[in-house]
């Protein structure tokens, strides 16, 4: 997958002029890349366009204009995409009740390592997790995961953490979107 380049990015004022139209386009691209796994988890599979959107939104929110700061955003967000044959995902742990969420995030240490993508042959590919997102006492409700799938398109996503076993089959539209991202 192609990384976002500096020449893909516009200044935050120009972006503001284009934002609504660009946002609509990105939301349409995100839709088939949004995978709900059980009641508490959503995987958002990232691609060049969704990462470009994140960078532009960060630049807008923080009024970033210095080239070093722009490059930092490019480096940070491009790392989420991973390399060739990898799918980069944002995992959202979505628990509405604050007390329940706090309890589960403390109990679910190690859960991100147990979130998988399942391939057509039944092989489960587990995530590479950013260790900086864990403090040893609780898991963050937003995780950045990468999956080495090579040129194989996942057919399901799931979690097999003790006490939390859920699996969701991917739709044809989801598989098609991931196939496009992998270039297969």
N, C-alpha and C. Protein backbone atom coordinates (compact mmCIF):
# COMPACT_ATOMS: atom_id res chain seq x y z
N UNK A 1 0.85 -1.17 0.00
CA UNK A 1 0.00 0.00 0.00
C UNK A 1 0.90 1.24 0.00
N UNK A 2 0.54 2.19 -0.79
CA UNK A 2 1.32 3.41 -0.90
C UNK A 2 1.15 4.25 0.37
N UNK A 3 2.27 4.75 0.88
CA UNK A 3 2.23 5.65 2.02
C UNK A 3 1.77 7.04 1.57
N UNK A 4 1.28 7.80 2.51
CA UNK A 4 0.90 9.19 2.23
C UNK A 4 2.19 9.99 2.08
N UNK A 5 2.27 10.76 1.01
CA UNK A 5 3.46 11.58 0.75
C UNK A 5 3.18 13.03 1.12
N UNK A 6 4.24 13.77 1.27
CA UNK A 6 4.09 15.19 1.62
C UNK A 6 3.26 15.93 0.58
N UNK A 7 3.44 15.59 -0.70
CA UNK A 7 2.69 16.31 -1.73
C UNK A 7 1.21 15.91 -1.80
N UNK A 8 0.80 14.92 -0.99
CA UNK A 8 -0.62 14.57 -0.86
C UNK A 8 -1.34 15.51 0.11
N UNK A 9 -0.58 16.23 0.90
CA UNK A 9 -1.12 17.02 2.01
C UNK A 9 -1.19 18.49 1.61
N UNK A 10 -2.31 19.12 1.95
CA UNK A 10 -2.47 20.56 1.72
C UNK A 10 -2.49 21.27 3.06
N UNK A 11 -2.26 22.58 3.03
CA UNK A 11 -2.29 23.35 4.27
C UNK A 11 -3.70 23.30 4.88
N UNK A 12 -3.79 23.57 6.16
CA UNK A 12 -5.07 23.39 6.84
C UNK A 12 -6.16 24.34 6.35
N UNK A 13 -5.79 25.50 5.86
CA UNK A 13 -6.81 26.42 5.34
C UNK A 13 -7.39 25.91 4.02
N UNK A 14 -6.53 25.45 3.13
CA UNK A 14 -7.00 24.86 1.87
C UNK A 14 -7.84 23.62 2.17
N UNK A 15 -7.36 22.81 3.12
CA UNK A 15 -8.12 21.63 3.52
C UNK A 15 -9.51 22.02 4.02
N UNK A 16 -9.58 23.08 4.80
CA UNK A 16 -10.86 23.53 5.31
C UNK A 16 -11.85 23.83 4.20
N UNK A 17 -11.34 24.37 3.10
CA UNK A 17 -12.20 24.67 1.95
C UNK A 17 -12.73 23.41 1.28
N UNK A 18 -11.96 22.32 1.35
CA UNK A 18 -12.30 21.06 0.67
C UNK A 18 -12.86 20.01 1.62
N UNK A 19 -12.87 20.32 2.90
CA UNK A 19 -13.10 19.32 3.95
C UNK A 19 -14.40 18.53 3.79
N UNK A 20 -15.51 19.17 3.58
CA UNK A 20 -16.79 18.46 3.55
C UNK A 20 -16.84 17.44 2.41
N UNK A 21 -16.40 17.85 1.24
CA UNK A 21 -16.41 16.92 0.10
C UNK A 21 -15.42 15.77 0.33
N UNK A 22 -14.22 16.10 0.82
CA UNK A 22 -13.21 15.08 1.09
C UNK A 22 -13.70 14.12 2.17
N UNK A 23 -14.30 14.67 3.21
CA UNK A 23 -14.82 13.83 4.31
C UNK A 23 -15.87 12.85 3.80
N UNK A 24 -16.78 13.30 2.97
CA UNK A 24 -17.81 12.40 2.40
C UNK A 24 -17.15 11.25 1.64
N UNK A 25 -16.13 11.58 0.85
CA UNK A 25 -15.42 10.55 0.08
C UNK A 25 -14.74 9.54 1.02
N UNK A 26 -14.10 10.05 2.05
CA UNK A 26 -13.40 9.17 2.99
C UNK A 26 -14.39 8.28 3.75
N UNK A 27 -15.50 8.84 4.18
CA UNK A 27 -16.49 8.04 4.93
C UNK A 27 -17.03 6.91 4.06
N UNK A 28 -17.21 7.16 2.77
CA UNK A 28 -17.66 6.10 1.86
C UNK A 28 -16.61 5.01 1.73
N UNK A 29 -15.34 5.39 1.72
CA UNK A 29 -14.25 4.41 1.64
C UNK A 29 -14.13 3.64 2.95
N UNK A 30 -14.37 4.31 4.06
CA UNK A 30 -14.26 3.65 5.38
C UNK A 30 -15.36 2.61 5.61
N UNK A 31 -16.53 2.85 5.06
CA UNK A 31 -17.69 2.00 5.38
C UNK A 31 -17.41 0.51 5.21
N UNK A 32 -16.94 0.04 4.06
CA UNK A 32 -16.71 -1.41 3.95
C UNK A 32 -15.46 -1.87 4.71
N UNK A 33 -14.69 -0.94 5.24
CA UNK A 33 -13.48 -1.28 6.00
C UNK A 33 -13.75 -1.24 7.51
N UNK A 34 -14.99 -1.04 7.90
CA UNK A 34 -15.41 -1.02 9.30
C UNK A 34 -15.98 -2.39 9.63
N UNK A 35 -15.32 -3.09 10.53
CA UNK A 35 -15.71 -4.47 10.87
C UNK A 35 -16.10 -4.52 12.34
N UNK A 36 -17.38 -4.75 12.60
CA UNK A 36 -17.85 -4.89 13.98
C UNK A 36 -17.64 -6.34 14.41
N UNK A 37 -16.96 -6.50 15.52
CA UNK A 37 -16.66 -7.83 16.05
C UNK A 37 -17.32 -7.93 17.42
N UNK A 38 -18.43 -8.64 17.48
CA UNK A 38 -19.18 -8.70 18.72
C UNK A 38 -19.76 -7.34 19.05
N UNK A 39 -20.12 -7.16 20.32
CA UNK A 39 -20.75 -5.90 20.75
C UNK A 39 -19.74 -4.82 21.12
N UNK A 40 -18.52 -5.21 21.46
CA UNK A 40 -17.59 -4.27 22.08
C UNK A 40 -16.42 -3.82 21.21
N UNK A 41 -16.28 -4.37 20.02
CA UNK A 41 -15.08 -4.12 19.23
C UNK A 41 -15.41 -3.72 17.79
N UNK A 42 -14.66 -2.75 17.29
CA UNK A 42 -14.73 -2.38 15.89
C UNK A 42 -13.32 -2.27 15.36
N UNK A 43 -13.06 -2.94 14.26
CA UNK A 43 -11.79 -2.80 13.54
C UNK A 43 -12.03 -1.87 12.36
N UNK A 44 -11.19 -0.85 12.24
CA UNK A 44 -11.23 0.03 11.09
C UNK A 44 -9.96 -0.24 10.31
N UNK A 45 -10.10 -0.84 9.14
CA UNK A 45 -8.93 -1.14 8.31
C UNK A 45 -8.55 0.15 7.59
N UNK A 46 -7.30 0.55 7.78
CA UNK A 46 -6.82 1.81 7.23
C UNK A 46 -6.22 1.60 5.84
N UNK A 47 -6.25 2.66 5.05
CA UNK A 47 -5.56 2.65 3.76
C UNK A 47 -5.00 4.05 3.53
N UNK A 48 -4.40 4.26 2.38
CA UNK A 48 -3.75 5.54 2.11
C UNK A 48 -4.71 6.72 2.28
N UNK A 49 -5.91 6.58 1.77
CA UNK A 49 -6.87 7.68 1.85
C UNK A 49 -7.31 7.95 3.29
N UNK A 50 -7.58 6.91 4.07
CA UNK A 50 -8.04 7.12 5.45
C UNK A 50 -6.92 7.71 6.31
N UNK A 51 -5.69 7.33 6.04
CA UNK A 51 -4.56 7.89 6.78
C UNK A 51 -4.33 9.34 6.36
N UNK A 52 -4.48 9.62 5.08
CA UNK A 52 -4.37 11.02 4.63
C UNK A 52 -5.41 11.88 5.35
N UNK A 53 -6.62 11.36 5.48
CA UNK A 53 -7.68 12.07 6.18
C UNK A 53 -7.27 12.34 7.64
N UNK A 54 -6.72 11.33 8.31
CA UNK A 54 -6.30 11.51 9.70
C UNK A 54 -5.24 12.60 9.83
N UNK A 55 -4.29 12.60 8.90
CA UNK A 55 -3.23 13.61 8.93
C UNK A 55 -3.83 14.99 8.71
N UNK A 56 -4.69 15.11 7.70
CA UNK A 56 -5.29 16.42 7.42
C UNK A 56 -6.12 16.91 8.60
N UNK A 57 -6.86 16.02 9.24
CA UNK A 57 -7.67 16.40 10.40
C UNK A 57 -6.78 16.84 11.56
N UNK A 58 -5.66 16.15 11.77
CA UNK A 58 -4.75 16.53 12.84
C UNK A 58 -4.14 17.90 12.55
N UNK A 59 -3.73 18.11 11.31
CA UNK A 59 -3.16 19.41 10.94
C UNK A 59 -4.19 20.53 11.13
N UNK A 60 -5.42 20.25 10.80
CA UNK A 60 -6.49 21.25 10.96
C UNK A 60 -6.74 21.54 12.43
N UNK A 61 -6.88 20.48 13.23
CA UNK A 61 -7.20 20.65 14.65
C UNK A 61 -6.07 21.36 15.40
N UNK A 62 -4.84 21.05 15.05
CA UNK A 62 -3.70 21.61 15.77
C UNK A 62 -3.04 22.77 15.04
N UNK A 63 -3.62 23.15 13.89
CA UNK A 63 -3.09 24.27 13.10
C UNK A 63 -1.60 24.08 12.79
N UNK A 64 -1.28 22.89 12.34
CA UNK A 64 0.12 22.55 12.05
C UNK A 64 0.53 23.15 10.71
N UNK A 65 1.67 23.88 10.72
CA UNK A 65 2.18 24.48 9.49
C UNK A 65 3.68 24.24 9.30
N UNK A 66 4.40 23.94 10.34
CA UNK A 66 5.85 23.74 10.23
C UNK A 66 6.14 22.41 9.55
N UNK A 67 7.10 22.43 8.63
CA UNK A 67 7.43 21.23 7.86
C UNK A 67 7.86 20.07 8.76
N UNK A 68 8.63 20.34 9.80
CA UNK A 68 9.04 19.26 10.70
C UNK A 68 7.84 18.61 11.38
N UNK A 69 6.87 19.42 11.75
CA UNK A 69 5.67 18.90 12.41
C UNK A 69 4.81 18.12 11.42
N UNK A 70 4.72 18.59 10.20
CA UNK A 70 3.97 17.87 9.16
C UNK A 70 4.64 16.52 8.90
N UNK A 71 5.96 16.51 8.80
CA UNK A 71 6.68 15.26 8.58
C UNK A 71 6.48 14.29 9.74
N UNK A 72 6.43 14.82 10.95
CA UNK A 72 6.17 13.97 12.11
C UNK A 72 4.80 13.29 11.99
N UNK A 73 3.79 14.05 11.57
CA UNK A 73 2.45 13.47 11.39
C UNK A 73 2.47 12.40 10.30
N UNK A 74 3.16 12.70 9.19
CA UNK A 74 3.28 11.71 8.11
C UNK A 74 3.93 10.43 8.62
N UNK A 75 5.04 10.56 9.33
CA UNK A 75 5.75 9.38 9.83
C UNK A 75 4.90 8.59 10.81
N UNK A 76 4.24 9.30 11.72
CA UNK A 76 3.42 8.64 12.75
C UNK A 76 2.26 7.88 12.13
N UNK A 77 1.49 8.54 11.28
CA UNK A 77 0.30 7.90 10.72
C UNK A 77 0.64 6.88 9.64
N UNK A 78 1.67 7.12 8.84
CA UNK A 78 2.06 6.13 7.84
C UNK A 78 2.49 4.82 8.49
N UNK A 79 3.04 4.88 9.70
CA UNK A 79 3.45 3.66 10.41
C UNK A 79 2.25 2.75 10.68
N UNK A 80 1.04 3.32 10.75
CA UNK A 80 -0.16 2.52 10.98
C UNK A 80 -0.48 1.61 9.81
N UNK A 81 -0.04 2.01 8.61
CA UNK A 81 -0.34 1.21 7.42
C UNK A 81 0.46 -0.08 7.36
N UNK A 82 1.62 -0.10 8.00
CA UNK A 82 2.48 -1.27 7.90
C UNK A 82 3.16 -1.31 6.55
N UNK A 83 3.71 -2.46 6.23
CA UNK A 83 4.44 -2.62 4.99
C UNK A 83 3.67 -3.45 3.98
N UNK A 84 4.37 -3.85 2.93
CA UNK A 84 3.75 -4.69 1.90
C UNK A 84 3.21 -5.96 2.54
N UNK A 85 2.02 -6.36 2.14
CA UNK A 85 1.42 -7.58 2.66
C UNK A 85 0.84 -7.45 4.05
N UNK A 86 0.77 -6.23 4.56
CA UNK A 86 0.19 -6.01 5.88
C UNK A 86 -1.07 -5.16 5.77
N UNK A 87 -1.98 -5.40 6.69
CA UNK A 87 -3.15 -4.54 6.85
C UNK A 87 -3.01 -3.84 8.20
N UNK A 88 -3.15 -2.53 8.18
CA UNK A 88 -3.13 -1.75 9.40
C UNK A 88 -4.55 -1.45 9.83
N UNK A 89 -4.81 -1.63 11.12
CA UNK A 89 -6.17 -1.44 11.64
C UNK A 89 -6.14 -0.60 12.91
N UNK A 90 -7.20 0.15 13.09
CA UNK A 90 -7.46 0.80 14.35
C UNK A 90 -8.52 -0.04 15.05
N UNK A 91 -8.22 -0.50 16.25
CA UNK A 91 -9.19 -1.25 17.05
C UNK A 91 -9.82 -0.28 18.04
N UNK A 92 -11.14 -0.22 18.01
CA UNK A 92 -11.89 0.58 18.97
C UNK A 92 -12.58 -0.36 19.93
N UNK A 93 -12.30 -0.20 21.21
CA UNK A 93 -13.02 -0.96 22.24
C UNK A 93 -14.11 -0.03 22.72
N UNK A 94 -15.35 -0.41 22.43
CA UNK A 94 -16.49 0.48 22.62
C UNK A 94 -17.44 -0.06 23.69
N UNK A 95 -17.28 0.46 24.89
CA UNK A 95 -18.12 0.06 26.01
C UNK A 95 -18.76 1.34 26.56
N UNK A 96 -20.06 1.51 26.36
CA UNK A 96 -20.70 2.79 26.70
C UNK A 96 -20.65 3.16 28.18
N UNK A 97 -20.86 2.20 29.07
CA UNK A 97 -20.90 2.49 30.50
C UNK A 97 -19.48 2.72 31.03
N UNK A 98 -19.24 3.87 31.63
CA UNK A 98 -17.89 4.25 32.08
C UNK A 98 -17.32 3.29 33.12
N UNK A 99 -18.12 2.86 34.08
CA UNK A 99 -17.62 1.93 35.10
C UNK A 99 -17.30 0.57 34.51
N UNK A 100 -18.19 0.08 33.68
CA UNK A 100 -17.97 -1.20 33.02
C UNK A 100 -16.73 -1.13 32.13
N UNK A 101 -16.58 -0.02 31.40
CA UNK A 101 -15.42 0.17 30.53
C UNK A 101 -14.12 0.16 31.35
N UNK A 102 -14.08 0.89 32.45
CA UNK A 102 -12.87 0.95 33.28
C UNK A 102 -12.51 -0.44 33.80
N UNK A 103 -13.52 -1.19 34.24
CA UNK A 103 -13.28 -2.54 34.76
C UNK A 103 -12.73 -3.45 33.67
N UNK A 104 -13.39 -3.46 32.51
CA UNK A 104 -12.98 -4.35 31.43
C UNK A 104 -11.61 -3.98 30.88
N UNK A 105 -11.31 -2.69 30.73
CA UNK A 105 -10.00 -2.29 30.22
C UNK A 105 -8.88 -2.73 31.16
N UNK A 106 -9.18 -2.81 32.46
CA UNK A 106 -8.19 -3.33 33.41
C UNK A 106 -8.07 -4.85 33.32
N UNK A 107 -9.20 -5.53 33.09
CA UNK A 107 -9.21 -6.99 33.00
C UNK A 107 -8.67 -7.50 31.66
N UNK A 108 -8.73 -6.69 30.64
CA UNK A 108 -8.41 -7.14 29.29
C UNK A 108 -6.97 -6.85 28.86
N UNK A 109 -6.04 -6.79 29.80
CA UNK A 109 -4.64 -6.66 29.43
C UNK A 109 -4.27 -7.84 28.53
N UNK A 110 -3.61 -7.58 27.45
CA UNK A 110 -3.25 -8.64 26.52
C UNK A 110 -4.30 -8.93 25.46
N UNK A 111 -5.47 -8.32 25.57
CA UNK A 111 -6.52 -8.57 24.58
C UNK A 111 -6.11 -8.18 23.16
N UNK A 112 -5.46 -7.03 22.94
CA UNK A 112 -5.12 -6.67 21.56
C UNK A 112 -4.31 -7.75 20.83
N UNK A 113 -3.46 -8.46 21.55
CA UNK A 113 -2.67 -9.53 20.93
C UNK A 113 -3.52 -10.73 20.53
N UNK A 114 -4.77 -10.76 20.99
CA UNK A 114 -5.66 -11.89 20.72
C UNK A 114 -6.76 -11.51 19.72
N UNK A 115 -6.61 -10.37 19.06
CA UNK A 115 -7.53 -9.97 18.00
C UNK A 115 -6.92 -10.49 16.70
N UNK A 116 -7.72 -11.22 15.94
CA UNK A 116 -7.17 -11.88 14.75
C UNK A 116 -7.98 -11.60 13.50
N UNK A 117 -7.31 -11.83 12.38
CA UNK A 117 -7.97 -11.91 11.09
C UNK A 117 -7.85 -13.36 10.65
N UNK A 118 -8.93 -13.92 10.16
CA UNK A 118 -8.94 -15.32 9.72
C UNK A 118 -8.89 -15.37 8.20
N UNK A 119 -7.99 -16.22 7.70
CA UNK A 119 -7.83 -16.37 6.26
C UNK A 119 -8.72 -17.49 5.74
N UNK A 120 -8.82 -17.58 4.44
CA UNK A 120 -9.72 -18.54 3.80
C UNK A 120 -9.45 -19.98 4.22
N UNK A 121 -8.17 -20.31 4.47
CA UNK A 121 -7.81 -21.67 4.87
C UNK A 121 -7.98 -21.93 6.37
N UNK A 122 -8.57 -20.97 7.09
CA UNK A 122 -8.81 -21.11 8.52
C UNK A 122 -7.67 -20.64 9.40
N UNK A 123 -6.54 -20.26 8.81
CA UNK A 123 -5.41 -19.78 9.59
C UNK A 123 -5.78 -18.43 10.21
N UNK A 124 -5.47 -18.29 11.49
CA UNK A 124 -5.70 -17.03 12.19
C UNK A 124 -4.37 -16.26 12.24
N UNK A 125 -4.43 -15.03 11.79
CA UNK A 125 -3.27 -14.14 11.84
C UNK A 125 -3.52 -13.16 12.98
N UNK A 126 -2.61 -13.19 13.96
CA UNK A 126 -2.77 -12.31 15.13
C UNK A 126 -2.00 -11.02 14.91
N UNK A 127 -2.43 -10.00 15.61
CA UNK A 127 -1.92 -8.64 15.41
C UNK A 127 -0.53 -8.45 15.99
N UNK A 128 0.21 -7.57 15.32
CA UNK A 128 1.38 -6.96 15.90
C UNK A 128 0.87 -5.70 16.58
N UNK A 129 1.19 -5.55 17.85
CA UNK A 129 0.63 -4.49 18.67
C UNK A 129 1.71 -3.49 19.04
N UNK A 130 1.36 -2.23 19.08
CA UNK A 130 2.27 -1.17 19.53
C UNK A 130 2.37 -1.24 21.05
N UNK A 131 3.51 -1.66 21.55
CA UNK A 131 3.71 -1.84 22.99
C UNK A 131 3.56 -0.54 23.77
N UNK A 132 3.78 0.59 23.12
CA UNK A 132 3.65 1.89 23.80
C UNK A 132 2.22 2.20 24.21
N UNK A 133 1.26 1.46 23.69
CA UNK A 133 -0.15 1.72 24.00
C UNK A 133 -0.62 1.02 25.26
N UNK A 134 0.27 0.32 25.94
CA UNK A 134 -0.14 -0.40 27.13
C UNK A 134 0.73 0.06 28.29
N UNK A 135 0.07 0.34 29.41
CA UNK A 135 0.81 0.83 30.57
C UNK A 135 0.96 -0.21 31.67
N UNK A 136 0.50 -1.42 31.44
CA UNK A 136 0.63 -2.49 32.43
C UNK A 136 -0.53 -2.60 33.39
N UNK A 137 -1.39 -1.59 33.45
CA UNK A 137 -2.52 -1.66 34.37
C UNK A 137 -3.86 -1.72 33.64
N UNK A 138 -3.87 -1.24 32.40
CA UNK A 138 -5.10 -1.27 31.61
C UNK A 138 -4.75 -1.16 30.14
N UNK A 139 -5.65 -1.63 29.33
CA UNK A 139 -5.47 -1.53 27.89
C UNK A 139 -6.16 -0.24 27.42
N UNK A 140 -5.59 0.40 26.43
CA UNK A 140 -6.20 1.60 25.86
C UNK A 140 -7.42 1.21 25.04
N UNK A 141 -8.44 2.07 25.02
CA UNK A 141 -9.65 1.75 24.26
C UNK A 141 -9.47 1.97 22.76
N UNK A 142 -8.33 2.54 22.35
CA UNK A 142 -7.98 2.67 20.94
C UNK A 142 -6.61 2.03 20.76
N UNK A 143 -6.53 1.06 19.86
CA UNK A 143 -5.29 0.33 19.62
C UNK A 143 -4.97 0.37 18.13
N UNK A 144 -3.69 0.41 17.82
CA UNK A 144 -3.24 0.36 16.43
C UNK A 144 -2.58 -0.99 16.20
N UNK A 145 -3.14 -1.76 15.28
CA UNK A 145 -2.72 -3.14 15.05
C UNK A 145 -2.28 -3.30 13.60
N UNK A 146 -1.35 -4.22 13.39
CA UNK A 146 -0.94 -4.57 12.02
C UNK A 146 -1.01 -6.09 11.89
N UNK A 147 -1.44 -6.52 10.71
CA UNK A 147 -1.58 -7.94 10.41
C UNK A 147 -0.79 -8.28 9.16
N UNK A 148 0.09 -9.27 9.25
CA UNK A 148 0.83 -9.75 8.07
C UNK A 148 -0.03 -10.82 7.42
N UNK A 149 -0.66 -10.47 6.30
CA UNK A 149 -1.51 -11.41 5.58
C UNK A 149 -0.95 -11.74 4.20
N UNK A 150 0.16 -11.09 3.83
CA UNK A 150 0.76 -11.23 2.51
C UNK A 150 -0.28 -10.86 1.46
N UNK A 151 -0.56 -11.73 0.52
CA UNK A 151 -1.55 -11.38 -0.51
C UNK A 151 -2.89 -12.07 -0.27
N UNK A 152 -3.09 -12.58 0.94
CA UNK A 152 -4.31 -13.31 1.26
C UNK A 152 -5.35 -12.37 1.89
N UNK A 153 -6.56 -12.47 1.42
CA UNK A 153 -7.64 -11.61 1.90
C UNK A 153 -8.36 -12.30 3.05
N UNK A 154 -8.48 -11.64 4.19
CA UNK A 154 -9.20 -12.24 5.33
C UNK A 154 -10.67 -12.48 4.99
N UNK A 155 -11.23 -13.50 5.66
CA UNK A 155 -12.65 -13.81 5.48
C UNK A 155 -13.43 -13.59 6.77
N UNK A 156 -12.71 -13.37 7.89
CA UNK A 156 -13.37 -13.15 9.18
C UNK A 156 -12.41 -12.40 10.09
N UNK A 157 -12.98 -11.85 11.17
CA UNK A 157 -12.20 -11.19 12.22
C UNK A 157 -12.76 -11.67 13.54
N UNK A 158 -11.88 -11.73 14.54
CA UNK A 158 -12.36 -12.20 15.83
C UNK A 158 -11.43 -11.88 16.97
N UNK A 159 -11.89 -12.27 18.15
CA UNK A 159 -11.13 -12.13 19.40
C UNK A 159 -11.21 -13.47 20.09
N UNK A 160 -10.05 -13.98 20.56
CA UNK A 160 -10.09 -15.22 21.34
C UNK A 160 -9.36 -15.05 22.67
N UNK A 161 -9.68 -13.98 23.34
CA UNK A 161 -9.18 -13.70 24.69
C UNK A 161 -10.05 -14.47 25.68
N UNK A 162 -9.46 -15.03 26.74
CA UNK A 162 -10.28 -15.79 27.71
C UNK A 162 -11.50 -14.99 28.20
N UNK A 163 -12.66 -15.58 28.02
CA UNK A 163 -13.90 -14.95 28.42
C UNK A 163 -14.49 -14.02 27.36
N UNK A 164 -13.72 -13.78 26.31
CA UNK A 164 -14.18 -12.91 25.22
C UNK A 164 -13.87 -13.62 23.92
N UNK A 165 -14.79 -14.45 23.47
CA UNK A 165 -14.60 -15.17 22.22
C UNK A 165 -15.71 -14.77 21.27
N UNK A 166 -15.34 -13.97 20.26
CA UNK A 166 -16.30 -13.52 19.25
C UNK A 166 -15.64 -13.61 17.88
N UNK A 167 -16.47 -13.83 16.87
CA UNK A 167 -15.98 -13.93 15.50
C UNK A 167 -17.05 -13.37 14.58
N UNK A 168 -16.61 -12.64 13.57
CA UNK A 168 -17.51 -12.05 12.58
C UNK A 168 -17.01 -12.38 11.19
N UNK A 169 -17.86 -12.97 10.37
CA UNK A 169 -17.50 -13.22 8.97
C UNK A 169 -17.54 -11.90 8.23
N UNK A 170 -16.58 -11.69 7.36
CA UNK A 170 -16.54 -10.48 6.55
C UNK A 170 -17.52 -10.61 5.39
N UNK A 171 -18.14 -9.52 5.04
CA UNK A 171 -19.06 -9.50 3.91
C UNK A 171 -18.26 -9.48 2.60
N UNK A 172 -18.95 -9.72 1.51
CA UNK A 172 -18.30 -9.64 0.20
C UNK A 172 -17.73 -8.25 -0.04
N UNK A 173 -18.44 -7.21 0.37
CA UNK A 173 -17.96 -5.83 0.19
C UNK A 173 -16.70 -5.58 1.03
N UNK A 174 -16.66 -6.12 2.23
CA UNK A 174 -15.47 -5.96 3.08
C UNK A 174 -14.27 -6.68 2.47
N UNK A 175 -14.49 -7.91 2.01
CA UNK A 175 -13.39 -8.67 1.40
C UNK A 175 -12.89 -7.96 0.14
N UNK A 176 -13.80 -7.41 -0.64
CA UNK A 176 -13.42 -6.69 -1.86
C UNK A 176 -12.58 -5.46 -1.52
N UNK A 177 -12.97 -4.72 -0.50
CA UNK A 177 -12.21 -3.53 -0.09
C UNK A 177 -10.81 -3.91 0.37
N UNK A 178 -10.69 -4.99 1.13
CA UNK A 178 -9.37 -5.43 1.61
C UNK A 178 -8.52 -5.95 0.46
N UNK A 179 -9.15 -6.63 -0.48
CA UNK A 179 -8.44 -7.10 -1.68
C UNK A 179 -7.86 -5.91 -2.43
N UNK A 180 -8.64 -4.86 -2.56
CA UNK A 180 -8.18 -3.63 -3.23
C UNK A 180 -6.99 -3.04 -2.46
N UNK A 181 -7.08 -2.99 -1.15
CA UNK A 181 -5.98 -2.42 -0.34
C UNK A 181 -4.71 -3.23 -0.46
N UNK A 182 -4.85 -4.54 -0.56
CA UNK A 182 -3.68 -5.41 -0.68
C UNK A 182 -3.15 -5.46 -2.11
N UNK A 183 -3.93 -4.95 -3.05
CA UNK A 183 -3.49 -4.95 -4.45
C UNK A 183 -3.51 -6.32 -5.08
N UNK A 184 -4.42 -7.20 -4.62
CA UNK A 184 -4.49 -8.56 -5.16
C UNK A 184 -5.67 -8.71 -6.12
